[in-house]
Amino acid sequence: MKITDIIQALDLKIISGQNGLSNEIKGGYVSDLLSDVMGNATEGQIWITLQTHQNIIAIASLKEISAIILVKGSLPENDTIEKSNTENIPVLSSDLDTFSIAGRLFDILKME
């Protein structure tokens, strides 16, 4: 499944990283602890978090994460947007809380 499919299904707002919207999604990961994501997330996952600083892009790039969803209407810092565009890692936003967006993403991906 492509990120564009997830955006449409979950009504996500595209913040940055538009050049990476054709990335494939192989699963999801939910965590706000950067060391947890670094140690446990895998390539091709979409990461759900409330973190907004540029370190999320560094970790997403390191782990080859396909995209990041920010919850509760959070918006990234300007340097995060710049790094997202440079690394082609889409940063998306949802007004939903973490529990709700994770549940919906799970339902979409399990049907895949």
Protein backbone atom coordinates (compact mmCIF):
# COMPACT_ATOMS: atom_id res chain seq x y z
CA MET A 1 0.00 0.00 0.00
CA LYS A 2 1.30 3.46 -0.85
CA ILE A 3 1.34 6.48 1.44
CA THR A 4 -1.15 8.21 -0.86
CA ASP A 5 -3.65 5.42 -0.13
CA ILE A 6 -3.16 5.89 3.63
CA ILE A 7 -3.56 9.67 3.32
CA GLN A 8 -6.89 9.28 1.59
CA ALA A 9 -8.20 6.52 3.86
CA LEU A 10 -7.28 8.35 7.08
CA ASP A 11 -7.98 11.89 5.85
CA LEU A 12 -4.44 13.01 6.68
CA LYS A 13 -2.99 16.43 5.99
CA ILE A 14 0.29 16.50 4.05
CA ILE A 15 2.77 18.78 5.81
CA SER A 16 6.03 18.07 3.99
CA GLY A 17 8.08 15.47 2.14
CA GLN A 18 5.77 15.36 -0.88
CA ASN A 19 8.47 13.68 -3.02
CA GLY A 20 8.15 10.58 -0.85
CA LEU A 21 4.40 10.09 -1.21
CA SER A 22 4.84 7.07 -3.47
CA ASN A 23 6.73 5.19 -0.71
CA GLU A 24 5.30 1.79 0.18
CA ILE A 25 3.93 1.06 3.66
CA LYS A 26 4.76 -2.36 5.12
CA GLY A 27 3.35 -1.80 8.61
CA GLY A 28 3.08 0.70 11.42
CA TYR A 29 4.92 1.66 14.57
CA VAL A 30 3.64 3.77 17.47
CA SER A 31 6.00 5.40 19.94
CA ASP A 32 7.00 8.80 21.27
CA LEU A 33 10.29 7.53 22.64
CA LEU A 34 12.96 8.06 19.98
CA SER A 35 15.29 5.37 21.34
CA ASP A 36 12.42 2.86 21.15
CA VAL A 37 11.79 3.71 17.50
CA MET A 38 15.50 3.52 16.74
CA GLY A 39 15.73 0.09 18.37
CA ASN A 40 12.51 -1.50 17.15
CA ALA A 41 10.93 0.14 14.09
CA THR A 42 11.60 -1.51 10.75
CA GLU A 43 12.00 -0.40 7.16
CA GLY A 44 8.82 0.60 5.37
CA GLN A 45 6.72 1.26 8.46
CA ILE A 46 4.68 4.40 9.02
CA TRP A 47 5.48 5.94 12.41
CA ILE A 48 2.79 7.53 14.60
CA THR A 49 4.04 10.05 17.18
CA LEU A 50 3.41 13.37 18.87
CA GLN A 51 7.08 14.39 18.58
CA THR A 52 7.62 17.34 16.20
CA HIS A 53 11.35 18.16 16.33
CA GLN A 54 13.83 17.42 13.56
CA ASN A 55 15.23 14.32 15.28
CA ILE A 56 12.16 12.39 14.10
CA ILE A 57 13.39 12.79 10.53
CA ALA A 58 16.90 11.68 11.44
CA ILE A 59 15.55 8.50 13.01
CA ALA A 60 13.07 7.90 10.19
CA SER A 61 15.91 8.21 7.69
CA LEU A 62 18.18 5.90 9.69
CA LYS A 63 15.46 3.23 10.00
CA GLU A 64 14.12 3.79 6.46
CA ILE A 65 10.66 4.60 7.79
CA SER A 66 8.29 5.48 4.94
CA ALA A 67 6.37 8.33 6.61
CA ILE A 68 5.49 9.94 9.93
CA ILE A 69 2.00 10.75 11.22
CA LEU A 70 1.75 13.47 13.85
CA VAL A 71 -1.30 13.16 16.09
CA LYS A 72 -3.74 15.59 17.73
CA GLY A 73 -3.27 18.22 15.01
CA SER A 74 0.39 18.68 15.88
CA LEU A 75 2.55 20.53 13.39
CA PRO A 76 6.29 20.04 12.99
CA GLU A 77 8.89 22.67 13.67
CA ASN A 78 10.26 24.52 10.61
CA ASP A 79 13.60 22.69 10.67
CA THR A 80 11.68 19.39 10.72
CA ILE A 81 9.80 20.42 7.59
CA GLU A 82 13.04 21.36 5.84
CA LYS A 83 14.71 18.06 6.77
CA SER A 84 11.59 16.12 5.74
CA ASN A 85 11.69 17.73 2.30
CA THR A 86 15.43 17.03 1.97
CA GLU A 87 15.08 13.37 3.00
CA ASN A 88 11.80 12.79 1.07
CA ILE A 89 10.12 11.45 4.20
CA PRO A 90 6.50 12.59 4.31
CA VAL A 91 5.27 14.19 7.52
CA LEU A 92 1.50 13.91 7.81
CA SER A 93 -0.91 15.22 10.42
CA SER A 94 -4.15 13.96 11.92
CA ASP A 95 -6.53 15.61 14.36
CA LEU A 96 -7.15 12.20 15.91
CA ASP A 97 -5.37 10.98 19.03
CA THR A 98 -2.75 8.23 18.88
CA PHE A 99 -5.12 5.42 19.90
CA SER A 100 -7.70 6.31 17.23
CA ILE A 101 -5.30 6.78 14.32
CA ALA A 102 -3.35 3.63 15.22
CA GLY A 103 -6.55 1.58 15.30
CA ARG A 104 -7.67 2.89 11.94
CA LEU A 105 -4.25 2.31 10.40
CA PHE A 106 -4.23 -1.24 11.77
CA ASP A 107 -7.62 -1.94 10.20
CA ILE A 108 -6.45 -0.65 6.81
CA LEU A 109 -3.16 -2.56 6.84
CA LYS A 110 -4.61 -5.87 8.03
CA MET A 111 -6.92 -5.90 5.01
CA GLU A 112 -3.91 -5.52 2.71
